[in-house]
PDB file of N, CA and C in Angstrom:
ATOM      1  N   MET A   1       8.936 -59.693 -56.295  1.00  0.00           N
ATOM      2  CA  MET A   1       7.783 -58.829 -56.407  1.00  0.00           C
ATOM      3  C   MET A   1       6.758 -59.277 -55.374  1.00  0.00           C
ATOM      4  N   PHE A   2       6.214 -58.326 -54.654  1.00  0.00           N
ATOM      5  CA  PHE A   2       5.234 -58.609 -53.616  1.00  0.00           C
ATOM      6  C   PHE A   2       3.855 -58.791 -54.231  1.00  0.00           C
ATOM      7  N   GLY A   3       2.936 -59.383 -53.467  1.00  0.00           N
ATOM      8  CA  GLY A   3       1.597 -59.673 -53.952  1.00  0.00           C
ATOM      9  C   GLY A   3       0.850 -58.457 -54.445  1.00  0.00           C
ATOM     10  N   TYR A   4       0.940 -57.356 -53.711  1.00  0.00           N
ATOM     11  CA  TYR A   4       0.229 -56.143 -54.100  1.00  0.00           C
ATOM     12  C   TYR A   4       0.820 -55.556 -55.386  1.00  0.00           C
ATOM     13  N   ASP A   5       2.141 -55.681 -55.539  1.00  0.00           N
ATOM     14  CA  ASP A   5       2.806 -55.175 -56.741  1.00  0.00           C
ATOM     15  C   ASP A   5       2.338 -55.920 -57.990  1.00  0.00           C
ATOM     16  N   LYS A   6       2.062 -57.199 -57.853  1.00  0.00           N
ATOM     17  CA  LYS A   6       1.649 -58.002 -59.013  1.00  0.00           C
ATOM     18  C   LYS A   6       0.372 -57.461 -59.645  1.00  0.00           C
ATOM     19  N   MET A   7      -0.476 -56.829 -58.843  1.00  0.00           N
ATOM     20  CA  MET A   7      -1.708 -56.249 -59.366  1.00  0.00           C
ATOM     21  C   MET A   7      -1.421 -55.161 -60.389  1.00  0.00           C
ATOM     22  N   PHE A   8      -0.273 -54.501 -60.274  1.00  0.00           N
ATOM     23  CA  PHE A   8       0.044 -53.364 -61.128  1.00  0.00           C
ATOM     24  C   PHE A   8       1.093 -53.702 -62.189  1.00  0.00           C
ATOM     25  N   ASP A   9       1.487 -54.937 -62.275  1.00  0.00           N
ATOM     26  CA  ASP A   9       2.409 -55.371 -63.329  1.00  0.00           C
ATOM     27  C   ASP A   9       1.581 -55.678 -64.573  1.00  0.00           C
ATOM     28  N   PHE A  10       1.158 -54.621 -65.248  1.00  0.00           N
ATOM     29  CA  PHE A  10       0.214 -54.761 -66.357  1.00  0.00           C
ATOM     30  C   PHE A  10       0.800 -55.524 -67.542  1.00  0.00           C
ATOM     31  N   ASN A  11       2.098 -55.395 -67.782  1.00  0.00           N
ATOM     32  CA  ASN A  11       2.698 -56.105 -68.912  1.00  0.00           C
ATOM     33  C   ASN A  11       3.293 -57.458 -68.507  1.00  0.00           C
ATOM     34  N   ARG A  12       3.138 -57.826 -67.255  1.00  0.00           N
ATOM     35  CA  ARG A  12       3.551 -59.135 -66.715  1.00  0.00           C
ATOM     36  C   ARG A  12       5.016 -59.476 -66.985  1.00  0.00           C
ATOM     37  N   ASP A  13       5.888 -58.458 -66.854  1.00  0.00           N
ATOM     38  CA  ASP A  13       7.310 -58.719 -67.055  1.00  0.00           C
ATOM     39  C   ASP A  13       8.045 -58.984 -65.742  1.00  0.00           C
ATOM     40  N   GLY A  14       7.332 -58.971 -64.624  1.00  0.00           N
ATOM     41  CA  GLY A  14       7.931 -59.286 -63.334  1.00  0.00           C
ATOM     42  C   GLY A  14       8.509 -58.097 -62.603  1.00  0.00           C
ATOM     43  N   LYS A  15       8.433 -56.901 -63.178  1.00  0.00           N
ATOM     44  CA  LYS A  15       8.907 -55.703 -62.495  1.00  0.00           C
ATOM     45  C   LYS A  15       8.006 -54.535 -62.873  1.00  0.00           C
ATOM     46  N   LEU A  16       7.967 -53.533 -61.995  1.00  0.00           N
ATOM     47  CA  LEU A  16       7.121 -52.374 -62.232  1.00  0.00           C
ATOM     48  C   LEU A  16       7.930 -51.266 -62.894  1.00  0.00           C
ATOM     49  N   ASP A  17       7.460 -50.806 -64.035  1.00  0.00           N
ATOM     50  CA  ASP A  17       8.101 -49.652 -64.662  1.00  0.00           C
ATOM     51  C   ASP A  17       7.508 -48.380 -64.056  1.00  0.00           C
ATOM     52  N   GLY A  18       7.931 -47.231 -64.533  1.00  0.00           N
ATOM     53  CA  GLY A  18       7.494 -45.960 -63.955  1.00  0.00           C
ATOM     54  C   GLY A  18       5.990 -45.775 -63.992  1.00  0.00           C
ATOM     55  N   TRP A  19       5.367 -46.094 -65.104  1.00  0.00           N
ATOM     56  CA  TRP A  19       3.919 -45.917 -65.234  1.00  0.00           C
ATOM     57  C   TRP A  19       3.166 -46.848 -64.287  1.00  0.00           C
ATOM     58  N   GLU A  20       3.638 -48.077 -64.161  1.00  0.00           N
ATOM     59  CA  GLU A  20       2.981 -49.037 -63.270  1.00  0.00           C
ATOM     60  C   GLU A  20       3.137 -48.611 -61.805  1.00  0.00           C
ATOM     61  N   ARG A  21       4.323 -48.116 -61.432  1.00  0.00           N
ATOM     62  CA  ARG A  21       4.517 -47.612 -60.063  1.00  0.00           C
ATOM     63  C   ARG A  21       3.618 -46.406 -59.794  1.00  0.00           C
ATOM     64  N   ALA A  22       3.498 -45.522 -60.787  1.00  0.00           N
ATOM     65  CA  ALA A  22       2.632 -44.345 -60.622  1.00  0.00           C
ATOM     66  C   ALA A  22       1.184 -44.775 -60.415  1.00  0.00           C
ATOM     67  N   ALA A  23       0.727 -45.767 -61.161  1.00  0.00           N
ATOM     68  CA  ALA A  23      -0.643 -46.266 -60.995  1.00  0.00           C
ATOM     69  C   ALA A  23      -0.825 -46.845 -59.594  1.00  0.00           C
ATOM     70  N   LYS A  24       0.154 -47.588 -59.124  1.00  0.00           N
ATOM     71  CA  LYS A  24       0.089 -48.183 -57.786  1.00  0.00           C
ATOM     72  C   LYS A  24      -0.010 -47.092 -56.716  1.00  0.00           C
ATOM     73  N   PHE A  25       0.855 -46.081 -56.805  1.00  0.00           N
ATOM     74  CA  PHE A  25       0.844 -45.031 -55.798  1.00  0.00           C
ATOM     75  C   PHE A  25      -0.419 -44.191 -55.878  1.00  0.00           C
ATOM     76  N   ARG A  26      -0.968 -44.020 -57.066  1.00  0.00           N
ATOM     77  CA  ARG A  26      -2.225 -43.267 -57.209  1.00  0.00           C
ATOM     78  C   ARG A  26      -3.366 -44.008 -56.507  1.00  0.00           C
ATOM     79  N   VAL A  27      -3.425 -45.308 -56.676  1.00  0.00           N
ATOM     80  CA  VAL A  27      -4.459 -46.108 -56.006  1.00  0.00           C
ATOM     81  C   VAL A  27      -4.267 -46.057 -54.497  1.00  0.00           C
ATOM     82  N   MET A  28      -3.023 -46.178 -54.049  1.00  0.00           N
ATOM     83  CA  MET A  28      -2.760 -46.123 -52.607  1.00  0.00           C
ATOM     84  C   MET A  28      -3.140 -44.764 -52.037  1.00  0.00           C
ATOM     85  N   GLU A  29      -2.812 -43.689 -52.772  1.00  0.00           N
ATOM     86  CA  GLU A  29      -3.161 -42.350 -52.322  1.00  0.00           C
ATOM     87  C   GLU A  29      -4.674 -42.183 -52.210  1.00  0.00           C
ATOM     88  N   GLU A  30      -5.398 -42.702 -53.184  1.00  0.00           N
ATOM     89  CA  GLU A  30      -6.856 -42.599 -53.170  1.00  0.00           C
ATOM     90  C   GLU A  30      -7.443 -43.400 -52.004  1.00  0.00           C
ATOM     91  N   MET A  31      -6.873 -44.563 -51.723  1.00  0.00           N
ATOM     92  CA  MET A  31      -7.350 -45.367 -50.602  1.00  0.00           C
ATOM     93  C   MET A  31      -7.110 -44.647 -49.282  1.00  0.00           C
ATOM     94  N   MET A  32      -5.953 -44.014 -49.149  1.00  0.00           N
ATOM     95  CA  MET A  32      -5.648 -43.292 -47.918  1.00  0.00           C
ATOM     96  C   MET A  32      -6.550 -42.069 -47.768  1.00  0.00           C
ATOM     97  N   ARG A  33      -6.835 -41.397 -48.869  1.00  0.00           N
ATOM     98  CA  ARG A  33      -7.724 -40.234 -48.812  1.00  0.00           C
ATOM     99  C   ARG A  33      -9.117 -40.664 -48.368  1.00  0.00           C
ATOM    100  N   ASN A  34      -9.593 -41.775 -48.881  1.00  0.00           N
ATOM    101  CA  ASN A  34     -10.908 -42.276 -48.484  1.00  0.00           C
ATOM    102  C   ASN A  34     -10.921 -42.701 -47.026  1.00  0.00           C
ATOM    103  N   ASP A  35      -9.809 -43.255 -46.521  1.00  0.00           N
ATOM    104  CA  ASP A  35      -9.723 -43.621 -45.110  1.00  0.00           C
ATOM    105  C   ASP A  35      -9.793 -42.383 -44.231  1.00  0.00           C
ATOM    106  N   ASP A  36      -9.162 -41.300 -44.659  1.00  0.00           N
ATOM    107  CA  ASP A  36      -9.200 -40.062 -43.885  1.00  0.00           C
ATOM    108  C   ASP A  36     -10.625 -39.534 -43.786  1.00  0.00           C
ATOM    109  N   ASP A  37     -11.400 -39.692 -44.848  1.00  0.00           N
ATOM    110  CA  ASP A  37     -12.782 -39.231 -44.835  1.00  0.00           C
ATOM    111  C   ASP A  37     -13.623 -39.965 -43.797  1.00  0.00           C
ATOM    112  N   LEU A  38     -13.267 -41.209 -43.508  1.00  0.00           N
ATOM    113  CA  LEU A  38     -14.035 -41.987 -42.534  1.00  0.00           C
ATOM    114  C   LEU A  38     -13.936 -41.390 -41.135  1.00  0.00           C
ATOM    115  N   PHE A  39     -12.794 -40.777 -40.828  1.00  0.00           N
ATOM    116  CA  PHE A  39     -12.570 -40.244 -39.496  1.00  0.00           C
ATOM    117  C   PHE A  39     -12.906 -38.764 -39.394  1.00  0.00           C
ATOM    118  N   ASP A  40     -13.346 -38.158 -40.460  1.00  0.00           N
ATOM    119  CA  ASP A  40     -13.631 -36.727 -40.485  1.00  0.00           C
ATOM    120  C   ASP A  40     -15.125 -36.449 -40.321  1.00  0.00           C
ATOM    121  N   ASN A  41     -15.831 -37.340 -39.642  1.00  0.00           N
ATOM    122  CA  ASN A  41     -17.278 -37.203 -39.494  1.00  0.00           C
ATOM    123  C   ASN A  41     -17.678 -36.306 -38.331  1.00  0.00           C
ATOM    124  N   GLU A  42     -16.716 -35.851 -37.550  1.00  0.00           N
ATOM    125  CA  GLU A  42     -17.040 -35.037 -36.388  1.00  0.00           C
ATOM    126  C   GLU A  42     -17.526 -33.644 -36.793  1.00  0.00           C
ATOM    127  N   GLU A  43     -17.051 -33.161 -37.899  1.00  0.00           N
ATOM    128  CA  GLU A  43     -17.387 -31.824 -38.375  1.00  0.00           C
ATOM    129  C   GLU A  43     -18.557 -31.929 -39.370  1.00  0.00           C
ATOM    130  N   PRO A  44     -19.563 -31.089 -39.228  1.00  0.00           N
ATOM    131  CA  PRO A  44     -20.696 -31.177 -40.149  1.00  0.00           C
ATOM    132  C   PRO A  44     -20.279 -30.844 -41.579  1.00  0.00           C
ATOM    133  N   ASP A  45     -20.866 -31.526 -42.534  1.00  0.00           N
ATOM    134  CA  ASP A  45     -20.551 -31.319 -43.930  1.00  0.00           C
ATOM    135  C   ASP A  45     -21.431 -30.207 -44.490  1.00  0.00           C
ATOM    136  N   VAL A  46     -20.910 -28.989 -44.481  1.00  0.00           N
ATOM    137  CA  VAL A  46     -21.698 -27.836 -44.909  1.00  0.00           C
ATOM    138  C   VAL A  46     -22.043 -27.911 -46.391  1.00  0.00           C
ATOM    139  N   PHE A  47     -21.198 -28.553 -47.181  1.00  0.00           N
ATOM    140  CA  PHE A  47     -21.478 -28.669 -48.609  1.00  0.00           C
ATOM    141  C   PHE A  47     -22.649 -29.603 -48.863  1.00  0.00           C
ATOM    142  N   ALA A  48     -22.651 -30.755 -48.209  1.00  0.00           N
ATOM    143  CA  ALA A  48     -23.757 -31.703 -48.382  1.00  0.00           C
ATOM    144  C   ALA A  48     -25.056 -31.105 -47.860  1.00  0.00           C
ATOM    145  N   ASP A  49     -24.980 -30.385 -46.750  1.00  0.00           N
ATOM    146  CA  ASP A  49     -26.173 -29.742 -46.206  1.00  0.00           C
ATOM    147  C   ASP A  49     -26.745 -28.710 -47.171  1.00  0.00           C
ATOM    148  N   ALA A  50     -25.877 -28.089 -47.984  1.00  0.00           N
ATOM    149  CA  ALA A  50     -26.313 -27.084 -48.953  1.00  0.00           C
ATOM    150  C   ALA A  50     -26.654 -27.718 -50.303  1.00  0.00           C
ATOM    151  N   GLY A  51     -26.542 -29.057 -50.391  1.00  0.00           N
ATOM    152  CA  GLY A  51     -26.866 -29.747 -51.642  1.00  0.00           C
ATOM    153  C   GLY A  51     -25.738 -29.727 -52.652  1.00  0.00           C
ATOM    154  N   LEU A  52     -24.504 -29.554 -52.182  1.00  0.00           N
ATOM    155  CA  LEU A  52     -23.342 -29.513 -53.066  1.00  0.00           C
ATOM    156  C   LEU A  52     -22.434 -30.709 -52.806  1.00  0.00           C
ATOM    157  N   ASP A  53     -21.677 -31.079 -53.814  1.00  0.00           N
ATOM    158  CA  ASP A  53     -20.709 -32.168 -53.697  1.00  0.00           C
ATOM    159  C   ASP A  53     -19.309 -31.563 -53.716  1.00  0.00           C
ATOM    160  N   TYR A  54     -18.536 -31.807 -52.668  1.00  0.00           N
ATOM    161  CA  TYR A  54     -17.202 -31.222 -52.554  1.00  0.00           C
ATOM    162  C   TYR A  54     -16.320 -31.601 -53.736  1.00  0.00           C
ATOM    163  N   SER A  55     -16.394 -32.851 -54.177  1.00  0.00           N
ATOM    164  CA  SER A  55     -15.564 -33.299 -55.301  1.00  0.00           C
ATOM    165  C   SER A  55     -15.877 -32.504 -56.561  1.00  0.00           C
ATOM    166  N   GLU A  56     -17.139 -32.251 -56.809  1.00  0.00           N
ATOM    167  CA  GLU A  56     -17.517 -31.467 -57.982  1.00  0.00           C
ATOM    168  C   GLU A  56     -17.034 -30.029 -57.853  1.00  0.00           C
ATOM    169  N   LEU A  57     -17.109 -29.477 -56.658  1.00  0.00           N
ATOM    170  CA  LEU A  57     -16.642 -28.109 -56.437  1.00  0.00           C
ATOM    171  C   LEU A  57     -15.147 -27.976 -56.722  1.00  0.00           C
ATOM    172  N   GLU A  58     -14.371 -29.019 -56.381  1.00  0.00           N
ATOM    173  CA  GLU A  58     -12.928 -28.982 -56.605  1.00  0.00           C
ATOM    174  C   GLU A  58     -12.584 -28.841 -58.082  1.00  0.00           C
ATOM    175  N   TYR A  59     -13.382 -29.441 -58.950  1.00  0.00           N
ATOM    176  CA  TYR A  59     -13.072 -29.447 -60.373  1.00  0.00           C
ATOM    177  C   TYR A  59     -13.666 -28.265 -61.130  1.00  0.00           C
ATOM    178  N   MET A  60     -14.476 -27.458 -60.470  1.00  0.00           N
ATOM    179  CA  MET A  60     -15.049 -26.282 -61.125  1.00  0.00           C
ATOM    180  C   MET A  60     -13.997 -25.183 -61.213  1.00  0.00           C
ATOM    181  N   ASP A  61     -14.142 -24.319 -62.213  1.00  0.00           N
ATOM    182  CA  ASP A  61     -13.245 -23.164 -62.249  1.00  0.00           C
ATOM    183  C   ASP A  61     -13.697 -22.167 -61.176  1.00  0.00           C
ATOM    184  N   PHE A  62     -12.867 -21.188 -60.919  1.00  0.00           N
ATOM    185  CA  PHE A  62     -13.081 -20.266 -59.798  1.00  0.00           C
ATOM    186  C   PHE A  62     -14.457 -19.598 -59.835  1.00  0.00           C
ATOM    187  N   ASP A  63     -14.812 -19.011 -60.984  1.00  0.00           N
ATOM    188  CA  ASP A  63     -16.073 -18.280 -61.088  1.00  0.00           C
ATOM    189  C   ASP A  63     -17.288 -19.195 -60.946  1.00  0.00           C
ATOM    190  N   GLU A  64     -17.205 -20.373 -61.547  1.00  0.00           N
ATOM    191  CA  GLU A  64     -18.314 -21.329 -61.475  1.00  0.00           C
ATOM    192  C   GLU A  64     -18.521 -21.803 -60.033  1.00  0.00           C
ATOM    193  N   ARG A  65     -17.406 -22.095 -59.342  1.00  0.00           N
ATOM    194  CA  ARG A  65     -17.493 -22.552 -57.948  1.00  0.00           C
ATOM    195  C   ARG A  65     -18.046 -21.430 -57.057  1.00  0.00           C
ATOM    196  N   ARG A  66     -17.589 -20.212 -57.292  1.00  0.00           N
ATOM    197  CA  ARG A  66     -18.056 -19.062 -56.506  1.00  0.00           C
ATOM    198  C   ARG A  66     -19.566 -18.895 -56.665  1.00  0.00           C
ATOM    199  N   GLU A  67     -20.037 -19.005 -57.896  1.00  0.00           N
ATOM    200  CA  GLU A  67     -21.468 -18.860 -58.156  1.00  0.00           C
ATOM    201  C   GLU A  67     -22.277 -19.980 -57.500  1.00  0.00           C
ATOM    202  N   ALA A  68     -21.772 -21.217 -57.595  1.00  0.00           N
ATOM    203  CA  ALA A  68     -22.475 -22.354 -56.990  1.00  0.00           C
ATOM    204  C   ALA A  68     -22.584 -22.181 -55.475  1.00  0.00           C
ATOM    205  N   LEU A  69     -21.515 -21.712 -54.844  1.00  0.00           N
ATOM    206  CA  LEU A  69     -21.538 -21.492 -53.396  1.00  0.00           C
ATOM    207  C   LEU A  69     -22.519 -20.380 -53.025  1.00  0.00           C
ATOM    208  N   GLU A  70     -22.516 -19.312 -53.800  1.00  0.00           N
ATOM    209  CA  GLU A  70     -23.436 -18.207 -53.519  1.00  0.00           C
ATOM    210  C   GLU A  70     -24.886 -18.632 -53.681  1.00  0.00           C
ATOM    211  N   VAL A  71     -25.187 -19.393 -54.737  1.00  0.00           N
ATOM    212  CA  VAL A  71     -26.557 -19.871 -54.964  1.00  0.00           C
ATOM    213  C   VAL A  71     -26.996 -20.781 -53.816  1.00  0.00           C
ATOM    214  N   ALA A  72     -26.057 -21.547 -53.263  1.00  0.00           N
ATOM    215  CA  ALA A  72     -26.369 -22.449 -52.150  1.00  0.00           C
ATOM    216  C   ALA A  72     -26.464 -21.707 -50.822  1.00  0.00           C
ATOM    217  N   GLY A  73     -26.189 -20.410 -50.842  1.00  0.00           N
ATOM    218  CA  GLY A  73     -26.293 -19.625 -49.617  1.00  0.00           C
ATOM    219  C   GLY A  73     -25.043 -19.635 -48.767  1.00  0.00           C
ATOM    220  N   LEU A  74     -23.913 -20.006 -49.344  1.00  0.00           N
ATOM    221  CA  LEU A  74     -22.644 -20.050 -48.609  1.00  0.00           C
ATOM    222  C   LEU A  74     -21.760 -18.898 -49.063  1.00  0.00           C
ATOM    223  N   ASP A  75     -20.905 -18.425 -48.176  1.00  0.00           N
ATOM    224  CA  ASP A  75     -19.970 -17.348 -48.501  1.00  0.00           C
ATOM    225  C   ASP A  75     -18.725 -17.961 -49.146  1.00  0.00           C
ATOM    226  N   PRO A  76     -18.489 -17.709 -50.435  1.00  0.00           N
ATOM    227  CA  PRO A  76     -17.346 -18.316 -51.119  1.00  0.00           C
ATOM    228  C   PRO A  76     -15.987 -17.920 -50.532  1.00  0.00           C
ATOM    229  N   ASP A  77     -15.928 -16.787 -49.860  1.00  0.00           N
ATOM    230  CA  ASP A  77     -14.673 -16.340 -49.285  1.00  0.00           C
ATOM    231  C   ASP A  77     -14.257 -17.134 -48.047  1.00  0.00           C
ATOM    232  N   GLU A  78     -15.169 -17.922 -47.500  1.00  0.00           N
ATOM    233  CA  GLU A  78     -14.870 -18.727 -46.313  1.00  0.00           C
ATOM    234  C   GLU A  78     -14.136 -20.038 -46.652  1.00  0.00           C
ATOM    235  N   PHE A  79     -14.115 -20.394 -47.933  1.00  0.00           N
ATOM    236  CA  PHE A  79     -13.578 -21.709 -48.334  1.00  0.00           C
ATOM    237  C   PHE A  79     -12.358 -21.536 -49.224  1.00  0.00           C
ATOM    238  N   ASP A  80     -11.377 -22.398 -49.005  1.00  0.00           N
ATOM    239  CA  ASP A  80     -10.143 -22.364 -49.776  1.00  0.00           C
ATOM    240  C   ASP A  80     -10.028 -23.662 -50.578  1.00  0.00           C
ATOM    241  N   PHE A  81     -10.082 -23.561 -51.879  1.00  0.00           N
ATOM    242  CA  PHE A  81      -9.981 -24.737 -52.746  1.00  0.00           C
ATOM    243  C   PHE A  81      -8.667 -24.762 -53.456  1.00  0.00           C
TER     244      PHE A  81
END
């Protein structure tokens, strides 16, 4: 077992079961997503400029997100969530 794997061996049995592997890959995926955000600074963040949080918009239902975008002065049809 490698050093990074030991972090996810929650039951300390020396091997990763399915749930532990899923937790490991979820953390790795989140780290990679955050790394991608670091390099995406070239494009202006229209959501932040309008006072909106992209993460919150992702979790809203369709009608709620559409209304939030319209209130912020953005055209909801321009964005694909």
